[in-house]
């Protein structure tokens, strides 16, 4: 496996929150509120995890300029790493 994928898989496996958030996003375009409901997590936890996942290129925000109603999507790296993390 490539170094980038190994690092991403390790990052996902080391946090149940990251796993839940990525699984809640799946192949969809979703808001943090939708992620929180699907994953059963508090919105502030989802926001912190999304910031972390974005910093590590596992998710991307499609409308950064918007304060409310931001849309998130998993990157190809995120999809590959989640698939390999079980």
N, C-alpha and C. Protein backbone atom coordinates (compact mmCIF):
# COMPACT_ATOMS: atom_id res chain seq x y z
N UNK A 1 0.83 -1.20 0.00
CA UNK A 1 0.00 0.00 0.00
C UNK A 1 0.87 1.25 0.00
N UNK A 2 0.35 2.28 -0.62
CA UNK A 2 1.06 3.55 -0.64
C UNK A 2 1.11 4.16 0.76
N UNK A 3 2.12 4.98 1.01
CA UNK A 3 2.27 5.64 2.31
C UNK A 3 1.03 6.46 2.66
N UNK A 4 0.50 7.16 1.65
CA UNK A 4 -0.66 8.05 1.87
C UNK A 4 -1.88 7.24 2.36
N UNK A 5 -2.12 6.08 1.74
CA UNK A 5 -3.25 5.23 2.12
C UNK A 5 -3.01 4.64 3.51
N UNK A 6 -1.79 4.19 3.79
CA UNK A 6 -1.46 3.61 5.09
C UNK A 6 -1.72 4.65 6.19
N UNK A 7 -1.26 5.88 5.97
CA UNK A 7 -1.46 6.95 6.95
C UNK A 7 -2.96 7.21 7.16
N UNK A 8 -3.71 7.24 6.07
CA UNK A 8 -5.15 7.50 6.15
C UNK A 8 -5.89 6.38 6.87
N UNK A 9 -5.56 5.14 6.57
CA UNK A 9 -6.19 3.99 7.23
C UNK A 9 -5.89 4.03 8.72
N UNK A 10 -4.65 4.32 9.08
CA UNK A 10 -4.25 4.42 10.48
C UNK A 10 -5.04 5.52 11.19
N UNK A 11 -5.20 6.63 10.54
CA UNK A 11 -5.94 7.76 11.10
C UNK A 11 -7.40 7.36 11.37
N UNK A 12 -8.01 6.69 10.41
CA UNK A 12 -9.41 6.27 10.55
C UNK A 12 -9.56 5.23 11.66
N UNK A 13 -8.68 4.24 11.67
CA UNK A 13 -8.78 3.15 12.66
C UNK A 13 -8.54 3.64 14.09
N UNK A 14 -7.83 4.75 14.23
CA UNK A 14 -7.50 5.23 15.56
C UNK A 14 -8.62 6.04 16.22
N UNK A 15 -9.75 6.24 15.50
CA UNK A 15 -10.83 7.04 16.08
C UNK A 15 -12.20 6.54 15.63
N UNK A 16 -13.02 6.15 16.60
CA UNK A 16 -14.39 5.71 16.29
C UNK A 16 -15.20 6.87 15.71
N UNK A 17 -14.91 8.09 16.15
CA UNK A 17 -15.62 9.25 15.62
C UNK A 17 -15.34 9.44 14.13
N UNK A 18 -14.07 9.31 13.74
CA UNK A 18 -13.72 9.45 12.32
C UNK A 18 -14.43 8.39 11.49
N UNK A 19 -14.43 7.16 12.00
CA UNK A 19 -15.10 6.07 11.28
C UNK A 19 -16.58 6.36 11.12
N UNK A 20 -17.24 6.78 12.19
CA UNK A 20 -18.68 7.06 12.14
C UNK A 20 -19.00 8.19 11.16
N UNK A 21 -18.20 9.25 11.19
CA UNK A 21 -18.43 10.39 10.32
C UNK A 21 -18.25 9.99 8.85
N UNK A 22 -17.18 9.28 8.55
CA UNK A 22 -16.95 8.86 7.16
C UNK A 22 -18.04 7.92 6.67
N UNK A 23 -18.47 6.99 7.52
CA UNK A 23 -19.54 6.07 7.13
C UNK A 23 -20.85 6.83 6.92
N UNK A 24 -21.09 7.85 7.71
CA UNK A 24 -22.30 8.66 7.57
C UNK A 24 -22.29 9.46 6.27
N UNK A 25 -21.11 9.87 5.84
CA UNK A 25 -21.01 10.62 4.58
C UNK A 25 -21.22 9.67 3.40
N UNK A 26 -20.53 8.52 3.43
CA UNK A 26 -20.66 7.55 2.34
C UNK A 26 -20.39 8.17 0.99
N UNK A 27 -21.24 7.90 0.02
CA UNK A 27 -21.06 8.44 -1.33
C UNK A 27 -21.93 9.67 -1.58
N UNK A 28 -22.44 10.24 -0.52
CA UNK A 28 -23.37 11.36 -0.64
C UNK A 28 -22.68 12.70 -0.42
N UNK A 29 -23.43 13.76 -0.70
CA UNK A 29 -23.04 15.12 -0.36
C UNK A 29 -23.95 15.50 0.80
N UNK A 30 -23.37 15.79 1.97
CA UNK A 30 -24.17 15.99 3.18
C UNK A 30 -23.72 17.20 3.99
N UNK A 31 -24.62 17.67 4.84
CA UNK A 31 -24.31 18.76 5.76
C UNK A 31 -23.85 18.16 7.09
N UNK A 32 -23.15 18.94 7.90
CA UNK A 32 -22.74 18.44 9.22
C UNK A 32 -23.94 17.98 10.06
N UNK A 33 -25.06 18.67 9.95
CA UNK A 33 -26.26 18.30 10.68
C UNK A 33 -26.75 16.90 10.28
N UNK A 34 -26.74 16.63 8.98
CA UNK A 34 -27.16 15.31 8.49
C UNK A 34 -26.19 14.22 8.98
N UNK A 35 -24.91 14.54 8.98
CA UNK A 35 -23.89 13.59 9.46
C UNK A 35 -24.14 13.29 10.94
N UNK A 36 -24.39 14.33 11.73
CA UNK A 36 -24.62 14.16 13.17
C UNK A 36 -25.81 13.25 13.43
N UNK A 37 -26.89 13.44 12.67
CA UNK A 37 -28.08 12.60 12.85
C UNK A 37 -27.81 11.15 12.45
N UNK A 38 -27.17 10.96 11.31
CA UNK A 38 -26.88 9.60 10.82
C UNK A 38 -25.93 8.85 11.75
N UNK A 39 -24.91 9.57 12.24
CA UNK A 39 -23.87 8.93 13.04
C UNK A 39 -24.23 8.86 14.52
N UNK A 40 -25.27 9.59 14.92
CA UNK A 40 -25.65 9.61 16.32
C UNK A 40 -24.64 10.35 17.19
N UNK A 41 -24.07 11.42 16.63
CA UNK A 41 -23.06 12.20 17.34
C UNK A 41 -23.54 13.64 17.52
N UNK A 42 -22.94 14.33 18.48
CA UNK A 42 -23.27 15.75 18.66
C UNK A 42 -22.62 16.57 17.56
N UNK A 43 -23.30 17.64 17.18
CA UNK A 43 -22.85 18.47 16.07
C UNK A 43 -21.45 19.05 16.31
N UNK A 44 -21.14 19.45 17.54
CA UNK A 44 -19.80 20.01 17.78
C UNK A 44 -18.71 18.96 17.58
N UNK A 45 -18.99 17.70 17.90
CA UNK A 45 -18.02 16.62 17.66
C UNK A 45 -17.84 16.41 16.16
N UNK A 46 -18.94 16.42 15.43
CA UNK A 46 -18.88 16.25 13.97
C UNK A 46 -18.04 17.36 13.35
N UNK A 47 -18.26 18.59 13.79
CA UNK A 47 -17.50 19.72 13.24
C UNK A 47 -16.00 19.57 13.46
N UNK A 48 -15.62 19.14 14.68
CA UNK A 48 -14.20 18.94 14.97
C UNK A 48 -13.61 17.82 14.11
N UNK A 49 -14.36 16.75 13.96
CA UNK A 49 -13.88 15.61 13.15
C UNK A 49 -13.77 16.01 11.69
N UNK A 50 -14.74 16.76 11.18
CA UNK A 50 -14.69 17.20 9.78
C UNK A 50 -13.46 18.07 9.53
N UNK A 51 -13.13 18.94 10.46
CA UNK A 51 -11.93 19.78 10.32
C UNK A 51 -10.69 18.90 10.22
N UNK A 52 -10.62 17.90 11.08
CA UNK A 52 -9.50 16.96 11.09
C UNK A 52 -9.44 16.16 9.78
N UNK A 53 -10.58 15.65 9.33
CA UNK A 53 -10.62 14.86 8.09
C UNK A 53 -10.27 15.71 6.88
N UNK A 54 -10.71 16.96 6.90
CA UNK A 54 -10.41 17.87 5.79
C UNK A 54 -8.92 18.17 5.74
N UNK A 55 -8.32 18.39 6.91
CA UNK A 55 -6.88 18.66 7.00
C UNK A 55 -6.07 17.49 6.45
N UNK A 56 -6.61 16.28 6.60
CA UNK A 56 -5.91 15.09 6.13
C UNK A 56 -6.39 14.61 4.76
N UNK A 57 -7.13 15.46 4.06
CA UNK A 57 -7.60 15.21 2.67
C UNK A 57 -8.52 14.00 2.53
N UNK A 58 -9.28 13.66 3.58
CA UNK A 58 -10.21 12.54 3.50
C UNK A 58 -11.61 13.00 3.12
N UNK A 59 -11.92 14.27 3.40
CA UNK A 59 -13.18 14.86 2.96
C UNK A 59 -12.88 16.24 2.40
N UNK A 60 -13.83 16.77 1.64
CA UNK A 60 -13.68 18.13 1.14
C UNK A 60 -15.01 18.86 1.31
N UNK A 61 -14.89 20.16 1.55
CA UNK A 61 -16.07 21.02 1.67
C UNK A 61 -16.30 21.62 0.29
N UNK A 62 -17.52 21.49 -0.20
CA UNK A 62 -17.83 21.94 -1.55
C UNK A 62 -18.16 23.43 -1.62
N UNK A 63 -18.51 24.03 -0.48
CA UNK A 63 -18.85 25.46 -0.46
C UNK A 63 -18.26 26.14 0.78
N UNK A 64 -16.95 26.26 0.79
CA UNK A 64 -16.20 26.82 1.93
C UNK A 64 -16.68 28.21 2.33
N UNK A 65 -17.13 29.00 1.38
CA UNK A 65 -17.52 30.39 1.65
C UNK A 65 -18.79 30.50 2.49
N UNK A 66 -19.59 29.45 2.49
CA UNK A 66 -20.85 29.46 3.21
C UNK A 66 -20.64 29.18 4.69
N UNK A 67 -21.30 29.96 5.54
CA UNK A 67 -21.20 29.74 6.98
C UNK A 67 -22.20 28.68 7.43
N UNK A 68 -23.40 28.70 6.86
CA UNK A 68 -24.44 27.76 7.24
C UNK A 68 -24.76 26.88 6.03
N UNK A 69 -24.98 25.60 6.28
CA UNK A 69 -25.34 24.70 5.18
C UNK A 69 -24.16 24.25 4.35
N UNK A 70 -23.00 24.14 4.97
CA UNK A 70 -21.83 23.64 4.23
C UNK A 70 -22.08 22.20 3.78
N UNK A 71 -21.55 21.88 2.62
CA UNK A 71 -21.73 20.54 2.05
C UNK A 71 -20.39 19.82 2.02
N UNK A 72 -20.39 18.58 2.49
CA UNK A 72 -19.17 17.78 2.55
C UNK A 72 -19.31 16.52 1.72
N UNK A 73 -18.19 16.10 1.17
CA UNK A 73 -18.12 14.90 0.34
C UNK A 73 -16.80 14.20 0.64
N UNK A 74 -16.82 12.89 0.60
CA UNK A 74 -15.59 12.14 0.83
C UNK A 74 -14.71 12.20 -0.43
N UNK A 75 -13.40 12.32 -0.23
CA UNK A 75 -12.46 12.31 -1.35
C UNK A 75 -12.19 10.86 -1.76
N UNK A 76 -11.52 10.69 -2.88
CA UNK A 76 -11.14 9.34 -3.32
C UNK A 76 -10.23 8.68 -2.29
N UNK A 77 -9.32 9.47 -1.72
CA UNK A 77 -8.43 8.94 -0.67
C UNK A 77 -9.28 8.46 0.52
N UNK A 78 -10.26 9.24 0.90
CA UNK A 78 -11.14 8.87 2.01
C UNK A 78 -11.89 7.58 1.72
N UNK A 79 -12.42 7.46 0.51
CA UNK A 79 -13.16 6.24 0.12
C UNK A 79 -12.25 5.02 0.14
N UNK A 80 -11.06 5.16 -0.42
CA UNK A 80 -10.11 4.05 -0.46
C UNK A 80 -9.68 3.63 0.95
N UNK A 81 -9.37 4.61 1.77
CA UNK A 81 -8.91 4.32 3.13
C UNK A 81 -10.03 3.71 3.97
N UNK A 82 -11.25 4.22 3.84
CA UNK A 82 -12.36 3.65 4.60
C UNK A 82 -12.62 2.21 4.17
N UNK A 83 -12.51 1.94 2.88
CA UNK A 83 -12.69 0.58 2.37
C UNK A 83 -11.67 -0.39 2.92
N UNK A 84 -10.45 0.11 3.12
CA UNK A 84 -9.36 -0.76 3.61
C UNK A 84 -9.34 -0.84 5.14
N UNK A 85 -10.07 0.05 5.81
CA UNK A 85 -10.03 0.07 7.28
C UNK A 85 -11.06 -0.88 7.89
N UNK A 86 -11.87 -1.48 7.04
CA UNK A 86 -12.83 -2.48 7.54
C UNK A 86 -14.03 -1.85 8.00
